[in-house]
C-alpha atoms as a PDB file:
ATOM      1  CA  UNK A   1      80.492 -23.220  43.132  1.00  0.00           C
ATOM      2  CA  UNK A   2      81.989 -20.477  40.934  1.00  0.00           C
ATOM      3  CA  UNK A   3      80.332 -21.977  37.844  1.00  0.00           C
ATOM      4  CA  UNK A   4      76.954 -22.026  39.627  1.00  0.00           C
ATOM      5  CA  UNK A   5      77.302 -18.374  40.666  1.00  0.00           C
ATOM      6  CA  UNK A   6      78.319 -17.414  37.130  1.00  0.00           C
ATOM      7  CA  UNK A   7      75.260 -19.244  35.709  1.00  0.00           C
ATOM      8  CA  UNK A   8      72.959 -17.474  38.172  1.00  0.00           C
ATOM      9  CA  UNK A   9      74.523 -14.138  37.247  1.00  0.00           C
ATOM     10  CA  UNK A  10      73.937 -14.843  33.554  1.00  0.00           C
ATOM     11  CA  UNK A  11      70.296 -15.772  34.250  1.00  0.00           C
ATOM     12  CA  UNK A  12      69.743 -12.500  36.101  1.00  0.00           C
ATOM     13  CA  UNK A  13      71.351 -10.588  33.212  1.00  0.00           C
ATOM     14  CA  UNK A  14      69.045 -12.303  30.700  1.00  0.00           C
ATOM     15  CA  UNK A  15      66.002 -11.569  32.876  1.00  0.00           C
ATOM     16  CA  UNK A  16      67.082  -7.937  33.175  1.00  0.00           C
ATOM     17  CA  UNK A  17      67.551  -7.653  29.414  1.00  0.00           C
ATOM     18  CA  UNK A  18      64.089  -9.123  28.787  1.00  0.00           C
ATOM     19  CA  UNK A  19      62.457  -6.707  31.203  1.00  0.00           C
ATOM     20  CA  UNK A  20      64.348  -3.779  29.673  1.00  0.00           C
ATOM     21  CA  UNK A  21      62.975  -4.833  26.288  1.00  0.00           C
ATOM     22  CA  UNK A  22      59.412  -4.830  27.651  1.00  0.00           C
ATOM     23  CA  UNK A  23      59.795  -1.308  29.014  1.00  0.00           C
ATOM     24  CA  UNK A  24      61.399  -0.173  25.766  1.00  0.00           C
ATOM     25  CA  UNK A  25      58.755  -1.612  23.418  1.00  0.00           C
ATOM     26  CA  UNK A  26      55.742  -0.303  25.376  1.00  0.00           C
ATOM     27  CA  UNK A  27      55.853   3.345  24.170  1.00  0.00           C
ATOM     28  CA  UNK A  28      56.554   2.123  20.640  1.00  0.00           C
ATOM     29  CA  UNK A  29      53.314   0.122  20.489  1.00  0.00           C
ATOM     30  CA  UNK A  30      51.251   2.616  22.500  1.00  0.00           C
ATOM     31  CA  UNK A  31      52.363   6.104  23.463  1.00  0.00           C
ATOM     32  CA  UNK A  32      49.064   6.701  25.271  1.00  0.00           C
ATOM     33  CA  UNK A  33      49.178   3.668  27.551  1.00  0.00           C
ATOM     34  CA  UNK A  34      52.883   4.170  28.184  1.00  0.00           C
ATOM     35  CA  UNK A  35      51.927   7.486  29.800  1.00  0.00           C
ATOM     36  CA  UNK A  36      49.592   6.021  32.387  1.00  0.00           C
ATOM     37  CA  UNK A  37      51.294   2.667  32.969  1.00  0.00           C
ATOM     38  CA  UNK A  38      54.433   4.605  33.916  1.00  0.00           C
ATOM     39  CA  UNK A  39      52.496   6.068  36.878  1.00  0.00           C
ATOM     40  CA  UNK A  40      52.128   2.672  38.540  1.00  0.00           C
ATOM     41  CA  UNK A  41      54.621   1.213  40.982  1.00  0.00           C
ATOM     42  CA  UNK A  42      56.102  -2.102  42.088  1.00  0.00           C
ATOM     43  CA  UNK A  43      54.571  -5.430  41.132  1.00  0.00           C
ATOM     44  CA  UNK A  44      51.364  -3.725  39.984  1.00  0.00           C
ATOM     45  CA  UNK A  45      53.406  -1.711  37.483  1.00  0.00           C
ATOM     46  CA  UNK A  46      55.117  -4.831  36.177  1.00  0.00           C
ATOM     47  CA  UNK A  47      51.908  -6.876  36.048  1.00  0.00           C
ATOM     48  CA  UNK A  48      49.922  -4.206  34.193  1.00  0.00           C
ATOM     49  CA  UNK A  49      52.748  -3.511  31.738  1.00  0.00           C
ATOM     50  CA  UNK A  50      53.167  -7.188  30.871  1.00  0.00           C
ATOM     51  CA  UNK A  51      49.415  -7.772  30.769  1.00  0.00           C
ATOM     52  CA  UNK A  52      49.063  -4.858  28.367  1.00  0.00           C
ATOM     53  CA  UNK A  53      51.780  -6.253  26.083  1.00  0.00           C
ATOM     54  CA  UNK A  54      50.006  -9.610  25.989  1.00  0.00           C
ATOM     55  CA  UNK A  55      46.751  -7.879  25.023  1.00  0.00           C
ATOM     56  CA  UNK A  56      48.662  -5.887  22.401  1.00  0.00           C
ATOM     57  CA  UNK A  57      49.987  -9.117  20.883  1.00  0.00           C
ATOM     58  CA  UNK A  58      46.405 -10.401  20.597  1.00  0.00           C
ATOM     59  CA  UNK A  59      45.373  -7.082  18.980  1.00  0.00           C
ATOM     60  CA  UNK A  60      48.161  -7.458  16.442  1.00  0.00           C
ATOM     61  CA  UNK A  61      47.079 -10.990  15.538  1.00  0.00           C
ATOM     62  CA  UNK A  62      43.551  -9.614  15.092  1.00  0.00           C
ATOM     63  CA  UNK A  63      44.513  -6.564  13.017  1.00  0.00           C
ATOM     64  CA  UNK A  64      47.336  -7.800  10.787  1.00  0.00           C
ATOM     65  CA  UNK A  65      46.824  -7.517   7.049  1.00  0.00           C
ATOM     66  CA  UNK A  66      49.263 -10.370   6.451  1.00  0.00           C
ATOM     67  CA  UNK A  67      46.870 -13.185   7.386  1.00  0.00           C
ATOM     68  CA  UNK A  68      43.327 -13.989   6.321  1.00  0.00           C
ATOM     69  CA  UNK A  69      40.446 -14.628   8.726  1.00  0.00           C
ATOM     70  CA  UNK A  70      40.953 -18.388   8.807  1.00  0.00           C
ATOM     71  CA  UNK A  71      44.609 -18.000   9.725  1.00  0.00           C
ATOM     72  CA  UNK A  72      43.790 -15.382  12.345  1.00  0.00           C
ATOM     73  CA  UNK A  73      41.223 -17.663  13.993  1.00  0.00           C
ATOM     74  CA  UNK A  74      43.774 -20.466  14.286  1.00  0.00           C
ATOM     75  CA  UNK A  75      46.500 -18.150  15.612  1.00  0.00           C
ATOM     76  CA  UNK A  76      44.223 -16.491  18.167  1.00  0.00           C
ATOM     77  CA  UNK A  77      43.044 -19.848  19.539  1.00  0.00           C
ATOM     78  CA  UNK A  78      46.639 -21.092  19.700  1.00  0.00           C
ATOM     79  CA  UNK A  79      47.639 -17.872  21.472  1.00  0.00           C
ATOM     80  CA  UNK A  80      44.798 -18.356  23.978  1.00  0.00           C
ATOM     81  CA  UNK A  81      46.222 -21.835  24.628  1.00  0.00           C
ATOM     82  CA  UNK A  82      49.502 -20.310  25.838  1.00  0.00           C
ATOM     83  CA  UNK A  83      47.563 -18.956  28.828  1.00  0.00           C
ATOM     84  CA  UNK A  84      45.599 -22.096  29.675  1.00  0.00           C
ATOM     85  CA  UNK A  85      46.402 -25.062  31.863  1.00  0.00           C
ATOM     86  CA  UNK A  86      48.763 -23.275  34.256  1.00  0.00           C
ATOM     87  CA  UNK A  87      51.749 -24.255  32.101  1.00  0.00           C
ATOM     88  CA  UNK A  88      55.325 -23.604  33.120  1.00  0.00           C
ATOM     89  CA  UNK A  89      57.591 -21.220  31.257  1.00  0.00           C
ATOM     90  CA  UNK A  90      59.232 -23.809  28.998  1.00  0.00           C
ATOM     91  CA  UNK A  91      55.856 -25.170  27.881  1.00  0.00           C
ATOM     92  CA  UNK A  92      54.605 -21.674  27.101  1.00  0.00           C
ATOM     93  CA  UNK A  93      57.711 -20.761  25.153  1.00  0.00           C
ATOM     94  CA  UNK A  94      57.310 -23.930  23.080  1.00  0.00           C
ATOM     95  CA  UNK A  95      53.615 -23.156  22.447  1.00  0.00           C
ATOM     96  CA  UNK A  96      54.353 -19.542  21.513  1.00  0.00           C
ATOM     97  CA  UNK A  97      57.262 -20.194  19.133  1.00  0.00           C
ATOM     98  CA  UNK A  98      55.111 -21.203  16.083  1.00  0.00           C
ATOM     99  CA  UNK A  99      53.085 -17.975  16.486  1.00  0.00           C
ATOM    100  CA  UNK A 100      56.077 -15.800  15.571  1.00  0.00           C
ATOM    101  CA  UNK A 101      54.964 -15.487  11.965  1.00  0.00           C
ATOM    102  CA  UNK A 102      57.540 -13.370  10.219  1.00  0.00           C
ATOM    103  CA  UNK A 103      55.998 -10.984   7.722  1.00  0.00           C
ATOM    104  CA  UNK A 104      58.141  -8.557   5.780  1.00  0.00           C
ATOM    105  CA  UNK A 105      56.742  -5.381   7.313  1.00  0.00           C
ATOM    106  CA  UNK A 106      58.957  -3.520   9.758  1.00  0.00           C
ATOM    107  CA  UNK A 107      56.909  -2.194  12.668  1.00  0.00           C
ATOM    108  CA  UNK A 108      56.918  -2.065  16.477  1.00  0.00           C
ATOM    109  CA  UNK A 109      54.022  -4.547  16.450  1.00  0.00           C
ATOM    110  CA  UNK A 110      56.036  -7.041  14.411  1.00  0.00           C
ATOM    111  CA  UNK A 111      58.954  -6.505  16.813  1.00  0.00           C
ATOM    112  CA  UNK A 112      56.675  -7.305  19.769  1.00  0.00           C
ATOM    113  CA  UNK A 113      55.275 -10.459  18.150  1.00  0.00           C
ATOM    114  CA  UNK A 114      58.740 -11.779  17.387  1.00  0.00           C
ATOM    115  CA  UNK A 115      59.947 -11.029  20.912  1.00  0.00           C
ATOM    116  CA  UNK A 116      56.900 -12.369  22.720  1.00  0.00           C
ATOM    117  CA  UNK A 117      59.153 -14.956  24.360  1.00  0.00           C
ATOM    118  CA  UNK A 118      60.919 -12.108  26.157  1.00  0.00           C
ATOM    119  CA  UNK A 119      57.583 -10.915  27.532  1.00  0.00           C
ATOM    120  CA  UNK A 120      56.811 -14.454  28.691  1.00  0.00           C
ATOM    121  CA  UNK A 121      60.144 -14.791  30.473  1.00  0.00           C
ATOM    122  CA  UNK A 122      59.567 -11.464  32.228  1.00  0.00           C
ATOM    123  CA  UNK A 123      56.065 -12.669  33.120  1.00  0.00           C
ATOM    124  CA  UNK A 124      57.585 -15.510  35.131  1.00  0.00           C
ATOM    125  CA  UNK A 125      59.463 -12.944  37.197  1.00  0.00           C
ATOM    126  CA  UNK A 126      56.120 -11.878  38.694  1.00  0.00           C
ATOM    127  CA  UNK A 127      54.637 -13.488  41.809  1.00  0.00           C
ATOM    128  CA  UNK A 128      52.460 -16.441  40.661  1.00  0.00           C
ATOM    129  CA  UNK A 129      49.288 -14.739  41.936  1.00  0.00           C
ATOM    130  CA  UNK A 130      49.504 -12.233  39.082  1.00  0.00           C
ATOM    131  CA  UNK A 131      49.714 -14.976  36.466  1.00  0.00           C
ATOM    132  CA  UNK A 132      46.589 -16.534  37.965  1.00  0.00           C
ATOM    133  CA  UNK A 133      44.822 -13.208  37.398  1.00  0.00           C
ATOM    134  CA  UNK A 134      46.187 -12.375  33.948  1.00  0.00           C
ATOM    135  CA  UNK A 135      46.104 -15.803  32.272  1.00  0.00           C
ATOM    136  CA  UNK A 136      42.318 -16.275  31.931  1.00  0.00           C
ATOM    137  CA  UNK A 137      41.760 -12.714  30.748  1.00  0.00           C
ATOM    138  CA  UNK A 138      44.256 -13.037  27.867  1.00  0.00           C
ATOM    139  CA  UNK A 139      42.713 -16.370  26.887  1.00  0.00           C
ATOM    140  CA  UNK A 140      39.173 -14.962  26.915  1.00  0.00           C
ATOM    141  CA  UNK A 141      39.974 -11.854  24.898  1.00  0.00           C
ATOM    142  CA  UNK A 142      41.868 -13.910  22.290  1.00  0.00           C
ATOM    143  CA  UNK A 143      38.966 -16.331  21.892  1.00  0.00           C
ATOM    144  CA  UNK A 144      36.521 -13.420  21.690  1.00  0.00           C
ATOM    145  CA  UNK A 145      38.569 -11.847  18.911  1.00  0.00           C
ATOM    146  CA  UNK A 146      38.668 -15.198  17.121  1.00  0.00           C
ATOM    147  CA  UNK A 147      34.876 -15.386  17.305  1.00  0.00           C
ATOM    148  CA  UNK A 148      34.505 -12.031  15.551  1.00  0.00           C
ATOM    149  CA  UNK A 149      36.977 -13.151  12.900  1.00  0.00           C
ATOM    150  CA  UNK A 150      34.767 -16.208  12.420  1.00  0.00           C
ATOM    151  CA  UNK A 151      31.723 -13.957  11.958  1.00  0.00           C
ATOM    152  CA  UNK A 152      33.538 -12.029   9.243  1.00  0.00           C
ATOM    153  CA  UNK A 153      34.651 -15.246   7.537  1.00  0.00           C
ATOM    154  CA  UNK A 154      31.109 -16.641   7.571  1.00  0.00           C
ATOM    155  CA  UNK A 155      29.701 -13.370   6.218  1.00  0.00           C
ATOM    156  CA  UNK A 156      31.730 -13.812   3.038  1.00  0.00           C
ATOM    157  CA  UNK A 157      32.132 -10.037   2.859  1.00  0.00           C
ATOM    158  CA  UNK A 158      35.380  -8.156   2.323  1.00  0.00           C
ATOM    159  CA  UNK A 159      33.995  -5.396   4.578  1.00  0.00           C
ATOM    160  CA  UNK A 160      32.439  -6.729   7.774  1.00  0.00           C
ATOM    161  CA  UNK A 161      30.082  -4.468   9.704  1.00  0.00           C
ATOM    162  CA  UNK A 162      28.654  -4.861  13.200  1.00  0.00           C
ATOM    163  CA  UNK A 163      24.851  -5.236  13.168  1.00  0.00           C
ATOM    164  CA  UNK A 164      23.698  -3.030  16.026  1.00  0.00           C
ATOM    165  CA  UNK A 165      24.639  -1.368  19.314  1.00  0.00           C
ATOM    166  CA  UNK A 166      24.380  -4.677  21.188  1.00  0.00           C
ATOM    167  CA  UNK A 167      26.978  -6.261  18.911  1.00  0.00           C
ATOM    168  CA  UNK A 168      29.167  -3.161  19.289  1.00  0.00           C
ATOM    169  CA  UNK A 169      28.998  -3.565  23.076  1.00  0.00           C
ATOM    170  CA  UNK A 170      29.814  -7.262  22.747  1.00  0.00           C
ATOM    171  CA  UNK A 171      32.859  -6.570  20.577  1.00  0.00           C
ATOM    172  CA  UNK A 172      34.102  -3.816  22.896  1.00  0.00           C
ATOM    173  CA  UNK A 173      33.693  -6.126  25.882  1.00  0.00           C
ATOM    174  CA  UNK A 174      35.964  -8.766  24.391  1.00  0.00           C
ATOM    175  CA  UNK A 175      38.694  -6.356  23.283  1.00  0.00           C
ATOM    176  CA  UNK A 176      38.555  -3.859  26.179  1.00  0.00           C
ATOM    177  CA  UNK A 177      35.979  -4.682  28.859  1.00  0.00           C
ATOM    178  CA  UNK A 178      37.976  -7.770  29.825  1.00  0.00           C
ATOM    179  CA  UNK A 179      40.987  -5.510  30.331  1.00  0.00           C
ATOM    180  CA  UNK A 180      38.977  -3.545  32.897  1.00  0.00           C
ATOM    181  CA  UNK A 181      38.141  -6.777  34.709  1.00  0.00           C
ATOM    182  CA  UNK A 182      41.795  -7.799  34.818  1.00  0.00           C
ATOM    183  CA  UNK A 183      42.877  -4.395  36.130  1.00  0.00           C
ATOM    184  CA  UNK A 184      40.362  -4.523  38.982  1.00  0.00           C
ATOM    185  CA  UNK A 185      41.665  -7.893  40.143  1.00  0.00           C
ATOM    186  CA  UNK A 186      45.239  -6.625  40.011  1.00  0.00           C
ATOM    187  CA  UNK A 187      44.413  -3.402  41.852  1.00  0.00           C
ATOM    188  CA  UNK A 188      42.442  -5.232  44.521  1.00  0.00           C
ATOM    189  CA  UNK A 189      45.535  -7.071  45.631  1.00  0.00           C
ATOM    190  CA  UNK A 190      46.102  -3.810  47.507  1.00  0.00           C
ATOM    191  CA  UNK A 191      44.354  -4.050  50.876  1.00  0.00           C
ATOM    192  CA  UNK A 192      43.293  -0.402  50.710  1.00  0.00           C
ATOM    193  CA  UNK A 193      41.285  -1.164  47.553  1.00  0.00           C
ATOM    194  CA  UNK A 194      39.174  -3.990  48.988  1.00  0.00           C
ATOM    195  CA  UNK A 195      36.518  -1.725  50.517  1.00  0.00           C
ATOM    196  CA  UNK A 196      35.821  -0.346  47.022  1.00  0.00           C
ATOM    197  CA  UNK A 197      35.768  -3.707  45.268  1.00  0.00           C
ATOM    198  CA  UNK A 198      32.010  -3.931  44.652  1.00  0.00           C
ATOM    199  CA  UNK A 199      31.867  -0.471  43.068  1.00  0.00           C
ATOM    200  CA  UNK A 200      34.929  -1.217  40.952  1.00  0.00           C
ATOM    201  CA  UNK A 201      33.520  -4.530  39.739  1.00  0.00           C
ATOM    202  CA  UNK A 202      30.193  -2.912  38.871  1.00  0.00           C
ATOM    203  CA  UNK A 203      31.932  -0.406  36.574  1.00  0.00           C
ATOM    204  CA  UNK A 204      35.067  -2.237  35.414  1.00  0.00           C
ATOM    205  CA  UNK A 205      33.870  -3.382  31.986  1.00  0.00           C
ATOM    206  CA  UNK A 206      32.495   0.071  31.204  1.00  0.00           C
ATOM    207  CA  UNK A 207      35.904   1.562  31.983  1.00  0.00           C
ATOM    208  CA  UNK A 208      37.393  -0.480  29.144  1.00  0.00           C
ATOM    209  CA  UNK A 209      34.411   0.114  26.868  1.00  0.00           C
ATOM    210  CA  UNK A 210      34.722   3.905  27.251  1.00  0.00           C
ATOM    211  CA  UNK A 211      38.260   3.852  25.887  1.00  0.00           C
ATOM    212  CA  UNK A 212      37.435   1.438  23.071  1.00  0.00           C
ATOM    213  CA  UNK A 213      34.405   3.348  21.792  1.00  0.00           C
ATOM    214  CA  UNK A 214      36.492   6.530  21.895  1.00  0.00           C
ATOM    215  CA  UNK A 215      39.007   4.796  19.618  1.00  0.00           C
ATOM    216  CA  UNK A 216      36.193   3.721  17.290  1.00  0.00           C
ATOM    217  CA  UNK A 217      34.876   7.291  17.102  1.00  0.00           C
ATOM    218  CA  UNK A 218      38.375   8.483  16.140  1.00  0.00           C
ATOM    219  CA  UNK A 219      39.343   5.748  13.724  1.00  0.00           C
ATOM    220  CA  UNK A 220      36.237   4.124  12.222  1.00  0.00           C
ATOM    221  CA  UNK A 221      36.752   5.643   8.783  1.00  0.00           C
ATOM    222  CA  UNK A 222      40.312   4.286   8.675  1.00  0.00           C
ATOM    223  CA  UNK A 223      39.131   0.897   9.946  1.00  0.00           C
ATOM    224  CA  UNK A 224      36.868   0.475   6.913  1.00  0.00           C
ATOM    225  CA  UNK A 225      39.990   0.490   4.732  1.00  0.00           C
ATOM    226  CA  UNK A 226      41.147  -2.726   6.392  1.00  0.00           C
ATOM    227  CA  UNK A 227      37.776  -4.446   6.055  1.00  0.00           C
ATOM    228  CA  UNK A 228      36.008  -3.601   9.322  1.00  0.00           C
ATOM    229  CA  UNK A 229      33.217  -1.163  10.104  1.00  0.00           C
ATOM    230  CA  UNK A 230      32.585  -0.831  13.836  1.00  0.00           C
ATOM    231  CA  UNK A 231      29.763   1.670  13.336  1.00  0.00           C
ATOM    232  CA  UNK A 232      26.713  -0.614  13.342  1.00  0.00           C
ATOM    233  CA  UNK A 233      24.600  -1.109  10.244  1.00  0.00           C
ATOM    234  CA  UNK A 234      21.583   0.051  12.261  1.00  0.00           C
ATOM    235  CA  UNK A 235      23.184   3.537  12.259  1.00  0.00           C
ATOM    236  CA  UNK A 236      24.608   3.762   8.741  1.00  0.00           C
ATOM    237  CA  UNK A 237      21.388   2.449   7.185  1.00  0.00           C
ATOM    238  CA  UNK A 238      19.350   4.952   9.183  1.00  0.00           C
ATOM    239  CA  UNK A 239      21.207   7.833   7.501  1.00  0.00           C
ATOM    240  CA  UNK A 240      21.705   6.285   4.070  1.00  0.00           C
ATOM    241  CA  UNK A 241      25.466   5.971   4.467  1.00  0.00           C
ATOM    242  CA  UNK A 242      27.031   3.718   1.835  1.00  0.00           C
ATOM    243  CA  UNK A 243      30.181   2.054   3.178  1.00  0.00           C
ATOM    244  CA  UNK A 244      32.183   2.254  -0.020  1.00  0.00           C
ATOM    245  CA  UNK A 245      31.720   6.022   0.088  1.00  0.00           C
ATOM    246  CA  UNK A 246      32.560   6.698   3.743  1.00  0.00           C
ATOM    247  CA  UNK A 247      35.687   8.645   2.824  1.00  0.00           C
ATOM    248  CA  UNK A 248      33.366  11.267   1.313  1.00  0.00           C
ATOM    249  CA  UNK A 249      30.910  11.697   4.193  1.00  0.00           C
ATOM    250  CA  UNK A 250      29.432  15.123   4.694  1.00  0.00           C
ATOM    251  CA  UNK A 251      29.893  17.018   7.948  1.00  0.00           C
ATOM    252  CA  UNK A 252      26.214  16.387   8.727  1.00  0.00           C
ATOM    253  CA  UNK A 253      26.582  12.629   8.275  1.00  0.00           C
ATOM    254  CA  UNK A 254      29.645  12.528  10.548  1.00  0.00           C
ATOM    255  CA  UNK A 255      27.765  14.414  13.245  1.00  0.00           C
ATOM    256  CA  UNK A 256      24.788  12.081  12.974  1.00  0.00           C
ATOM    257  CA  UNK A 257      26.989   9.012  13.430  1.00  0.00           C
ATOM    258  CA  UNK A 258      28.624  10.548  16.493  1.00  0.00           C
ATOM    259  CA  UNK A 259      25.250  11.562  17.959  1.00  0.00           C
ATOM    260  CA  UNK A 260      24.043   7.963  17.646  1.00  0.00           C
ATOM    261  CA  UNK A 261      27.076   6.713  19.577  1.00  0.00           C
ATOM    262  CA  UNK A 262      26.918   9.440  22.215  1.00  0.00           C
ATOM    263  CA  UNK A 263      24.550   7.616  24.619  1.00  0.00           C
ATOM    264  CA  UNK A 264      26.935   4.633  24.688  1.00  0.00           C
ATOM    265  CA  UNK A 265      29.918   6.901  25.236  1.00  0.00           C
ATOM    266  CA  UNK A 266      28.356   9.019  27.960  1.00  0.00           C
ATOM    267  CA  UNK A 267      27.022   6.003  29.823  1.00  0.00           C
ATOM    268  CA  UNK A 268      30.466   4.386  29.800  1.00  0.00           C
ATOM    269  CA  UNK A 269      32.125   7.677  30.773  1.00  0.00           C
ATOM    270  CA  UNK A 270      29.742   8.020  33.737  1.00  0.00           C
ATOM    271  CA  UNK A 271      30.673   4.513  34.883  1.00  0.00           C
ATOM    272  CA  UNK A 272      34.368   5.299  34.482  1.00  0.00           C
ATOM    273  CA  UNK A 273      33.978   8.352  36.700  1.00  0.00           C
ATOM    274  CA  UNK A 274      32.316   6.164  39.342  1.00  0.00           C
ATOM    275  CA  UNK A 275      35.179   3.668  39.025  1.00  0.00           C
ATOM    276  CA  UNK A 276      37.815   6.328  39.594  1.00  0.00           C
ATOM    277  CA  UNK A 277      35.948   8.008  42.462  1.00  0.00           C
ATOM    278  CA  UNK A 278      35.913   4.645  44.269  1.00  0.00           C
ATOM    279  CA  UNK A 279      39.726   4.469  44.274  1.00  0.00           C
ATOM    280  CA  UNK A 280      41.063   5.937  47.541  1.00  0.00           C
ATOM    281  CA  UNK A 281      42.888   9.233  47.087  1.00  0.00           C
ATOM    282  CA  UNK A 282      45.797   7.663  48.981  1.00  0.00           C
ATOM    283  CA  UNK A 283      46.285   5.333  45.992  1.00  0.00           C
ATOM    284  CA  UNK A 284      47.613   8.107  43.765  1.00  0.00           C
ATOM    285  CA  UNK A 285      49.533   5.887  41.287  1.00  0.00           C
ATOM    286  CA  UNK A 286      46.425   3.803  40.536  1.00  0.00           C
ATOM    287  CA  UNK A 287      44.253   6.907  40.323  1.00  0.00           C
ATOM    288  CA  UNK A 288      46.650   8.547  37.862  1.00  0.00           C
ATOM    289  CA  UNK A 289      46.727   5.363  35.796  1.00  0.00           C
ATOM    290  CA  UNK A 290      42.934   5.534  35.433  1.00  0.00           C
ATOM    291  CA  UNK A 291      42.514   9.312  35.242  1.00  0.00           C
ATOM    292  CA  UNK A 292      44.923   9.948  32.351  1.00  0.00           C
ATOM    293  CA  UNK A 293      43.147   7.817  29.690  1.00  0.00           C
ATOM    294  CA  UNK A 294      39.732   8.918  30.982  1.00  0.00           C
ATOM    295  CA  UNK A 295      40.498  12.639  30.712  1.00  0.00           C
ATOM    296  CA  UNK A 296      42.137  12.167  27.313  1.00  0.00           C
ATOM    297  CA  UNK A 297      39.122  10.132  26.129  1.00  0.00           C
ATOM    298  CA  UNK A 298      36.331  12.556  26.989  1.00  0.00           C
ATOM    299  CA  UNK A 299      38.357  15.503  25.722  1.00  0.00           C
ATOM    300  CA  UNK A 300      39.077  13.617  22.486  1.00  0.00           C
ATOM    301  CA  UNK A 301      35.361  12.972  21.969  1.00  0.00           C
ATOM    302  CA  UNK A 302      34.664  16.646  22.657  1.00  0.00           C
ATOM    303  CA  UNK A 303      37.340  17.550  20.069  1.00  0.00           C
ATOM    304  CA  UNK A 304      35.847  15.171  17.491  1.00  0.00           C
ATOM    305  CA  UNK A 305      32.329  16.472  18.214  1.00  0.00           C
ATOM    306  CA  UNK A 306      33.514  19.973  17.294  1.00  0.00           C
ATOM    307  CA  UNK A 307      34.671  18.478  13.959  1.00  0.00           C
ATOM    308  CA  UNK A 308      38.222  19.635  14.621  1.00  0.00           C
ATOM    309  CA  UNK A 309      39.904  16.358  13.698  1.00  0.00           C
ATOM    310  CA  UNK A 310      40.360  12.989  15.357  1.00  0.00           C
ATOM    311  CA  UNK A 311      43.423  13.716  17.508  1.00  0.00           C
ATOM    312  CA  UNK A 312      44.380  16.141  20.231  1.00  0.00           C
ATOM    313  CA  UNK A 313      47.543  18.129  19.584  1.00  0.00           C
ATOM    314  CA  UNK A 314      50.658  17.500  21.647  1.00  0.00           C
ATOM    315  CA  UNK A 315      50.203  20.814  23.417  1.00  0.00           C
ATOM    316  CA  UNK A 316      46.600  19.912  24.274  1.00  0.00           C
ATOM    317  CA  UNK A 317      47.709  16.534  25.639  1.00  0.00           C
ATOM    318  CA  UNK A 318      50.456  18.179  27.709  1.00  0.00           C
ATOM    319  CA  UNK A 319      47.954  20.641  29.212  1.00  0.00           C
ATOM    320  CA  UNK A 320      45.521  17.847  30.055  1.00  0.00           C
ATOM    321  CA  UNK A 321      48.246  15.751  31.691  1.00  0.00           C
ATOM    322  CA  UNK A 322      49.111  18.702  33.931  1.00  0.00           C
ATOM    323  CA  UNK A 323      45.459  18.979  35.000  1.00  0.00           C
ATOM    324  CA  UNK A 324      45.356  15.241  35.765  1.00  0.00           C
ATOM    325  CA  UNK A 325      47.870  15.828  38.550  1.00  0.00           C
ATOM    326  CA  UNK A 326      45.326  17.922  40.433  1.00  0.00           C
ATOM    327  CA  UNK A 327      42.486  15.489  39.675  1.00  0.00           C
ATOM    328  CA  UNK A 328      44.459  12.658  41.298  1.00  0.00           C
ATOM    329  CA  UNK A 329      44.049  14.369  44.658  1.00  0.00           C
ATOM    330  CA  UNK A 330      40.456  15.513  44.260  1.00  0.00           C
ATOM    331  CA  UNK A 331      37.375  13.666  43.040  1.00  0.00           C
ATOM    332  CA  UNK A 332      35.536  16.975  43.151  1.00  0.00           C
ATOM    333  CA  UNK A 333      37.876  18.627  40.637  1.00  0.00           C
ATOM    334  CA  UNK A 334      37.746  15.606  38.323  1.00  0.00           C
ATOM    335  CA  UNK A 335      33.967  15.434  38.441  1.00  0.00           C
ATOM    336  CA  UNK A 336      33.605  19.160  37.824  1.00  0.00           C
ATOM    337  CA  UNK A 337      35.853  18.982  34.749  1.00  0.00           C
ATOM    338  CA  UNK A 338      34.074  15.918  33.379  1.00  0.00           C
ATOM    339  CA  UNK A 339      30.595  17.368  33.913  1.00  0.00           C
ATOM    340  CA  UNK A 340      31.586  20.478  31.982  1.00  0.00           C
ATOM    341  CA  UNK A 341      32.471  18.267  29.027  1.00  0.00           C
ATOM    342  CA  UNK A 342      29.390  16.087  29.588  1.00  0.00           C
ATOM    343  CA  UNK A 343      27.011  19.043  29.344  1.00  0.00           C
ATOM    344  CA  UNK A 344      28.497  20.003  25.983  1.00  0.00           C
ATOM    345  CA  UNK A 345      28.323  16.460  24.634  1.00  0.00           C
ATOM    346  CA  UNK A 346      24.892  15.398  25.884  1.00  0.00           C
END
């Protein structure tokens, strides 16, 4: 009896250590999402945090410079397989183990990859209903990323560029729109959210797309250095932009690129506002989770549009976070603030 109790105590200690690792690694791989995930509570907090880490692992497999496209395709499909077939924990740990490729770089992302088993063990501390929600979304995003790696491989180009706005939307759906779909299913486990479900589902993919296109607007010049151009060829060709010279773009060229993306951004921002307005004001943690990245996103785009750089300062972020507190209790205040930005961006 004493041995059994000691074994159970050790298991709980291991589980606690794994969960502590997950909370510790989150702000290291994403300061921004750590801010809003921390606003959630209970099982929804744990499910969203773990789901985000799984998506971040897929992102790392997609972005790493230590594997070529063929290797990435294989790894992403194998990673998708970890979330298929309703496998138990031991089977998943066995399937994940070969994916811990150990490159020499020291980074939080490498740390997360090599400790993915700890995330999986924490995942099995959630009620099974959350795994049923999260599993298919991780599998789909991983396979979508693999498909875009295949397109680059088949292009034979060292710098792969999206063709047009439709392909940009498709890419953003796989890497971010699916996240919005997963979040809606998690949130709608709350009975108070069910009345809003149709509105949430209508806008959920656009919620993710808004954040992803904002990231592209900020980082597309840097992305070209690792072999990807997310600004479609239909835009760069229109303005005579040569990709091997993007580090020397004029102010006018940068503005033209942003203006071409603005309809996509504003449409997705409008849908995100509708998504947030549909969340009952009584669900403050969920509202804050959604409001923080939304407010940071449209203010970041406004900052970039003024050609003042690609990042908000820490003081600007702190001021915006303080305003988000009031927006959580008032759709009217949030909408008024957004529309002020909208009028200056449109």
